[in-house]
Amino acid sequence: MARVKKSRSMRGKLGKTGSKEMMKEQNKARKSSSTRRFVTKKAKERKEQAHKKLERLGLLPEKEAGAAPVRPRRFVFVKPVDEKAEQAKSDLLEASTADTDSEDLSLDELLSAFTEQK
C-alpha cells in the first residue's frame, strides 16, 4: 500500500470535522495551559547542557566572587539573664581569686627559689 503525502493545507490539519476558528481556540488553550513536568525538565537540562558547553569553551562570562549575603534570622531566642545566678557566680569567682593570690607565688619568686637551691 502506497503512502499518502500528508497535506500541509489547513483543511488537511482540520480533517473533515472542525473549523479554522476551532483550531485557533485549541492552539490558544494549548499555549495557555500550564507546562508539563517533562517539558520544564527538558528545558532545564538543555540550559544546563548549554552552560556546560560554554564553560568548556571558556566563553562563559566571569561570575563575580561576591557571596550571597547571610539573611538574618527573624526570631532569635535570647535567654534572659538571671541576676541572682550572675551575682552568685561573680562572688564565687572573686572569692576563689583572692584565695589563690595569697597562696600562689609569683613567677619571679619561683625562679629565684629554684636558682637558690643549686
N, C-alpha and C. Protein backbone atom coordinates (compact mmCIF):
# COMPACT_ATOMS: atom_id res chain seq x y z
N MET A 1 0.84 -1.18 0.00
CA MET A 1 0.00 0.00 0.00
C MET A 1 0.88 1.24 0.00
N ALA A 2 0.64 2.13 -0.88
CA ALA A 2 1.46 3.33 -1.02
C ALA A 2 1.10 4.35 0.05
N ARG A 3 2.14 5.08 0.50
CA ARG A 3 1.88 6.11 1.50
C ARG A 3 1.28 7.33 0.82
N VAL A 4 0.38 7.96 1.53
CA VAL A 4 -0.24 9.18 1.01
C VAL A 4 0.50 10.36 1.62
N LYS A 5 0.90 11.32 0.79
CA LYS A 5 1.61 12.51 1.28
C LYS A 5 0.67 13.33 2.16
N LYS A 6 1.17 13.72 3.32
CA LYS A 6 0.34 14.48 4.23
C LYS A 6 0.12 15.88 3.68
N SER A 7 -1.08 16.33 3.82
CA SER A 7 -1.43 17.66 3.31
C SER A 7 -0.95 18.73 4.28
N ARG A 8 -0.43 19.81 3.73
CA ARG A 8 0.02 20.90 4.59
C ARG A 8 -1.04 21.99 4.66
N SER A 9 -2.14 21.76 4.01
CA SER A 9 -3.18 22.78 3.98
C SER A 9 -3.95 22.79 5.29
N MET A 10 -4.66 23.85 5.51
CA MET A 10 -5.47 23.99 6.72
C MET A 10 -6.53 22.89 6.76
N ARG A 11 -7.08 22.58 5.59
CA ARG A 11 -8.13 21.57 5.52
C ARG A 11 -7.60 20.20 5.96
N GLY A 12 -6.34 19.88 5.58
CA GLY A 12 -5.75 18.62 5.97
C GLY A 12 -5.54 18.53 7.48
N LYS A 13 -5.18 19.67 8.09
CA LYS A 13 -4.96 19.68 9.55
C LYS A 13 -6.28 19.52 10.29
N LEU A 14 -7.30 20.14 9.74
CA LEU A 14 -8.59 20.10 10.43
C LEU A 14 -9.31 18.78 10.22
N GLY A 15 -9.00 18.12 9.12
CA GLY A 15 -9.72 16.89 8.81
C GLY A 15 -11.12 17.22 8.31
N LYS A 16 -12.01 16.29 8.48
CA LYS A 16 -13.36 16.51 7.98
C LYS A 16 -14.19 17.34 8.94
N THR A 17 -13.85 17.25 10.24
CA THR A 17 -14.65 17.98 11.23
C THR A 17 -13.87 19.19 11.72
N GLY A 18 -14.56 20.17 12.26
CA GLY A 18 -13.92 21.33 12.84
C GLY A 18 -13.77 22.45 11.86
N SER A 19 -13.36 23.58 12.35
CA SER A 19 -13.20 24.76 11.50
C SER A 19 -11.91 25.46 11.89
N LYS A 20 -11.57 26.49 11.15
CA LYS A 20 -10.35 27.27 11.42
C LYS A 20 -10.43 27.92 12.80
N GLU A 21 -11.61 28.42 13.13
CA GLU A 21 -11.79 29.07 14.44
C GLU A 21 -11.59 28.08 15.59
N MET A 22 -12.09 26.87 15.39
CA MET A 22 -11.91 25.85 16.43
C MET A 22 -10.43 25.51 16.61
N MET A 23 -9.70 25.44 15.50
CA MET A 23 -8.28 25.14 15.59
C MET A 23 -7.53 26.25 16.32
N LYS A 24 -7.92 27.49 16.05
CA LYS A 24 -7.29 28.61 16.74
C LYS A 24 -7.55 28.55 18.24
N GLU A 25 -8.77 28.20 18.61
CA GLU A 25 -9.11 28.07 20.02
C GLU A 25 -8.29 26.96 20.68
N GLN A 26 -8.13 25.86 19.96
CA GLN A 26 -7.34 24.75 20.50
C GLN A 26 -5.89 25.17 20.72
N ASN A 27 -5.34 25.92 19.77
CA ASN A 27 -3.96 26.39 19.91
C ASN A 27 -3.82 27.32 21.10
N LYS A 28 -4.80 28.21 21.27
CA LYS A 28 -4.77 29.13 22.42
C LYS A 28 -4.79 28.35 23.73
N ALA A 29 -5.67 27.36 23.79
CA ALA A 29 -5.79 26.56 25.01
C ALA A 29 -4.49 25.81 25.28
N ARG A 30 -3.86 25.30 24.23
CA ARG A 30 -2.61 24.56 24.41
C ARG A 30 -1.50 25.46 24.93
N LYS A 31 -1.46 26.70 24.37
CA LYS A 31 -0.40 27.63 24.79
C LYS A 31 -0.61 28.14 26.21
N SER A 32 -1.86 28.34 26.60
CA SER A 32 -2.12 28.91 27.92
C SER A 32 -2.08 27.86 29.03
N SER A 33 -2.13 26.59 28.66
CA SER A 33 -2.12 25.56 29.69
C SER A 33 -0.76 25.53 30.38
N SER A 34 -0.77 25.07 31.63
CA SER A 34 0.48 25.03 32.39
C SER A 34 1.44 24.03 31.76
N THR A 35 2.72 24.34 31.86
CA THR A 35 3.71 23.46 31.23
C THR A 35 3.80 22.15 32.00
N ARG A 36 4.00 21.11 31.26
CA ARG A 36 4.11 19.79 31.87
C ARG A 36 5.49 19.65 32.52
N ARG A 37 5.56 18.73 33.46
CA ARG A 37 6.80 18.50 34.18
C ARG A 37 7.93 18.08 33.23
N PHE A 38 7.56 17.24 32.27
CA PHE A 38 8.55 16.74 31.31
C PHE A 38 9.14 17.89 30.51
N VAL A 39 8.28 18.82 30.08
CA VAL A 39 8.73 19.95 29.25
C VAL A 39 9.70 20.82 30.03
N THR A 40 9.36 21.15 31.27
CA THR A 40 10.22 22.00 32.07
C THR A 40 11.53 21.29 32.40
N LYS A 41 11.45 19.99 32.62
CA LYS A 41 12.65 19.23 32.94
C LYS A 41 13.61 19.25 31.75
N LYS A 42 13.06 19.02 30.55
CA LYS A 42 13.89 19.03 29.34
C LYS A 42 14.50 20.41 29.11
N ALA A 43 13.72 21.45 29.32
CA ALA A 43 14.22 22.81 29.13
C ALA A 43 15.36 23.09 30.09
N LYS A 44 15.22 22.63 31.32
CA LYS A 44 16.27 22.83 32.33
C LYS A 44 17.55 22.07 31.94
N GLU A 45 17.35 20.85 31.45
CA GLU A 45 18.51 20.04 31.04
C GLU A 45 19.24 20.69 29.87
N ARG A 46 18.47 21.24 28.90
CA ARG A 46 19.09 21.91 27.76
C ARG A 46 19.89 23.13 28.21
N LYS A 47 19.33 23.87 29.15
CA LYS A 47 20.00 25.06 29.67
C LYS A 47 21.31 24.68 30.36
N GLU A 48 21.25 23.63 31.18
CA GLU A 48 22.46 23.17 31.88
C GLU A 48 23.52 22.70 30.89
N GLN A 49 23.06 22.00 29.86
CA GLN A 49 23.99 21.48 28.85
C GLN A 49 24.68 22.63 28.12
N ALA A 50 23.91 23.65 27.76
CA ALA A 50 24.48 24.82 27.08
C ALA A 50 25.47 25.53 27.99
N HIS A 51 25.13 25.62 29.26
CA HIS A 51 26.01 26.26 30.24
C HIS A 51 27.33 25.53 30.35
N LYS A 52 27.25 24.18 30.40
CA LYS A 52 28.48 23.36 30.48
C LYS A 52 29.35 23.54 29.24
N LYS A 53 28.69 23.61 28.09
CA LYS A 53 29.44 23.77 26.84
C LYS A 53 30.16 25.11 26.81
N LEU A 54 29.47 26.18 27.22
CA LEU A 54 30.11 27.49 27.26
C LEU A 54 31.27 27.51 28.24
N GLU A 55 31.09 26.82 29.36
CA GLU A 55 32.16 26.75 30.36
C GLU A 55 33.37 26.01 29.79
N ARG A 56 33.08 24.93 29.06
CA ARG A 56 34.15 24.13 28.46
C ARG A 56 34.92 24.94 27.43
N LEU A 57 34.20 25.73 26.64
CA LEU A 57 34.84 26.54 25.60
C LEU A 57 35.49 27.81 26.15
N GLY A 58 35.18 28.14 27.39
CA GLY A 58 35.75 29.33 28.01
C GLY A 58 35.04 30.60 27.59
N LEU A 59 33.82 30.50 27.12
CA LEU A 59 33.06 31.67 26.70
C LEU A 59 32.10 32.19 27.76
N LEU A 60 32.11 31.54 28.89
CA LEU A 60 31.21 31.92 29.97
C LEU A 60 31.68 33.23 30.59
N PRO A 61 30.79 34.21 30.80
CA PRO A 61 31.22 35.46 31.43
C PRO A 61 31.66 35.22 32.87
N GLU A 62 32.66 35.97 33.30
CA GLU A 62 33.19 35.78 34.65
C GLU A 62 32.14 36.15 35.69
N LYS A 63 31.92 35.25 36.62
CA LYS A 63 30.95 35.48 37.67
C LYS A 63 31.63 36.22 38.82
N GLU A 64 30.94 37.19 39.37
CA GLU A 64 31.52 37.94 40.49
C GLU A 64 31.65 37.04 41.71
N ALA A 65 32.74 37.24 42.46
CA ALA A 65 33.03 36.36 43.59
C ALA A 65 32.23 36.71 44.83
N GLY A 66 31.36 37.69 44.75
CA GLY A 66 30.59 38.11 45.91
C GLY A 66 29.67 37.01 46.41
N ALA A 67 29.84 36.65 47.67
CA ALA A 67 29.00 35.60 48.24
C ALA A 67 27.62 36.18 48.56
N ALA A 68 26.65 35.31 48.60
CA ALA A 68 25.30 35.75 48.93
C ALA A 68 25.26 36.25 50.36
N PRO A 69 24.64 37.38 50.59
CA PRO A 69 24.60 37.90 51.96
C PRO A 69 23.80 36.98 52.86
N VAL A 70 24.29 36.81 54.07
CA VAL A 70 23.62 35.93 55.02
C VAL A 70 22.37 36.63 55.53
N ARG A 71 21.26 35.93 55.40
CA ARG A 71 19.99 36.52 55.82
C ARG A 71 19.84 36.38 57.32
N PRO A 72 19.60 37.47 58.02
CA PRO A 72 19.46 37.36 59.48
C PRO A 72 18.20 36.58 59.84
N ARG A 73 18.31 35.80 60.86
CA ARG A 73 17.16 35.03 61.30
C ARG A 73 16.16 35.97 61.94
N ARG A 74 14.91 35.70 61.68
CA ARG A 74 13.88 36.61 62.13
C ARG A 74 13.67 36.56 63.64
N PHE A 75 13.54 35.36 64.16
CA PHE A 75 13.31 35.22 65.60
C PHE A 75 14.49 34.49 66.22
N VAL A 76 15.23 35.19 67.06
CA VAL A 76 16.38 34.59 67.73
C VAL A 76 16.09 34.60 69.22
N PHE A 77 16.14 33.42 69.81
CA PHE A 77 15.86 33.32 71.23
C PHE A 77 17.07 33.77 72.05
N VAL A 78 16.87 34.76 72.88
CA VAL A 78 17.92 35.22 73.78
C VAL A 78 17.47 34.88 75.19
N LYS A 79 18.26 34.05 75.85
CA LYS A 79 17.89 33.61 77.19
C LYS A 79 18.00 34.79 78.15
N PRO A 80 16.95 35.04 78.92
CA PRO A 80 17.01 36.16 79.86
C PRO A 80 18.05 35.90 80.95
N VAL A 81 18.74 36.96 81.36
CA VAL A 81 19.81 36.83 82.34
C VAL A 81 19.20 36.78 83.74
N ASP A 82 19.59 35.76 84.49
CA ASP A 82 19.13 35.63 85.87
C ASP A 82 20.13 36.38 86.75
N GLU A 83 19.67 37.48 87.31
CA GLU A 83 20.58 38.36 88.07
C GLU A 83 21.13 37.68 89.32
N LYS A 84 20.32 36.89 89.99
CA LYS A 84 20.78 36.23 91.21
C LYS A 84 21.89 35.23 90.90
N ALA A 85 21.72 34.48 89.85
CA ALA A 85 22.73 33.48 89.46
C ALA A 85 24.02 34.18 89.03
N GLU A 86 23.90 35.27 88.30
CA GLU A 86 25.09 36.02 87.87
C GLU A 86 25.84 36.57 89.07
N GLN A 87 25.10 37.10 90.03
CA GLN A 87 25.72 37.65 91.24
C GLN A 87 26.46 36.56 92.02
N ALA A 88 25.85 35.39 92.14
CA ALA A 88 26.47 34.28 92.86
C ALA A 88 27.75 33.83 92.15
N LYS A 89 27.72 33.78 90.85
CA LYS A 89 28.91 33.39 90.09
C LYS A 89 30.05 34.38 90.30
N SER A 90 29.72 35.66 90.21
CA SER A 90 30.76 36.67 90.36
C SER A 90 31.35 36.63 91.78
N ASP A 91 30.51 36.39 92.79
CA ASP A 91 31.01 36.29 94.16
C ASP A 91 31.96 35.11 94.32
N LEU A 92 31.60 33.97 93.73
CA LEU A 92 32.46 32.79 93.80
C LEU A 92 33.79 33.05 93.11
N LEU A 93 33.75 33.69 91.96
CA LEU A 93 34.98 33.98 91.23
C LEU A 93 35.89 34.90 92.04
N GLU A 94 35.32 35.92 92.66
CA GLU A 94 36.12 36.86 93.46
C GLU A 94 36.75 36.14 94.66
N ALA A 95 35.99 35.28 95.30
CA ALA A 95 36.49 34.56 96.47
C ALA A 95 37.62 33.62 96.07
N SER A 96 37.47 32.92 94.96
CA SER A 96 38.49 31.96 94.55
C SER A 96 39.76 32.68 94.10
N THR A 97 39.64 33.82 93.45
CA THR A 97 40.84 34.54 93.01
C THR A 97 41.57 35.14 94.21
N ALA A 98 40.85 35.58 95.21
CA ALA A 98 41.50 36.16 96.39
C ALA A 98 42.32 35.09 97.12
N ASP A 99 41.78 33.87 97.23
CA ASP A 99 42.49 32.79 97.92
C ASP A 99 43.75 32.38 97.15
N THR A 100 43.66 32.25 95.88
CA THR A 100 44.79 31.77 95.11
C THR A 100 45.90 32.79 95.04
N ASP A 101 45.55 34.06 95.05
CA ASP A 101 46.60 35.10 95.00
C ASP A 101 47.51 35.02 96.23
N SER A 102 46.91 34.79 97.37
CA SER A 102 47.73 34.75 98.59
C SER A 102 48.57 33.48 98.64
N GLU A 103 48.04 32.36 98.14
CA GLU A 103 48.76 31.09 98.24
C GLU A 103 49.82 30.95 97.15
N ASP A 104 49.50 31.34 95.93
CA ASP A 104 50.43 31.15 94.82
C ASP A 104 51.58 32.15 94.88
N LEU A 105 52.71 31.69 94.45
CA LEU A 105 53.88 32.55 94.39
C LEU A 105 53.98 33.15 93.00
N SER A 106 54.61 34.30 92.91
CA SER A 106 54.76 34.92 91.60
C SER A 106 55.84 34.17 90.82
N LEU A 107 55.91 34.42 89.54
CA LEU A 107 56.88 33.75 88.67
C LEU A 107 58.31 34.07 89.09
N ASP A 108 58.54 35.33 89.42
CA ASP A 108 59.89 35.73 89.85
C ASP A 108 60.31 35.00 91.12
N GLU A 109 59.38 34.88 92.07
CA GLU A 109 59.70 34.18 93.32
C GLU A 109 60.02 32.71 93.07
N LEU A 110 59.27 32.08 92.17
CA LEU A 110 59.53 30.68 91.85
C LEU A 110 60.90 30.50 91.21
N LEU A 111 61.24 31.37 90.27
CA LEU A 111 62.53 31.26 89.59
C LEU A 111 63.68 31.49 90.58
N SER A 112 63.50 32.45 91.46
CA SER A 112 64.57 32.71 92.44
C SER A 112 64.73 31.54 93.41
N ALA A 113 63.61 30.90 93.78
CA ALA A 113 63.67 29.76 94.68
C ALA A 113 64.40 28.60 94.02
N PHE A 114 64.20 28.34 92.74
CA PHE A 114 64.89 27.26 92.06
C PHE A 114 66.39 27.56 91.92
N THR A 115 66.72 28.79 91.63
CA THR A 115 68.13 29.12 91.45
C THR A 115 68.89 29.09 92.77
N GLU A 116 68.22 29.40 93.87
CA GLU A 116 68.88 29.40 95.17
C GLU A 116 69.24 27.98 95.61
N GLN A 117 68.41 27.00 95.25
CA GLN A 117 68.68 25.63 95.70
C GLN A 117 69.97 25.08 95.10
N LYS A 118 70.32 25.49 93.93
CA LYS A 118 71.55 24.98 93.28
C LYS A 118 72.75 25.60 93.86
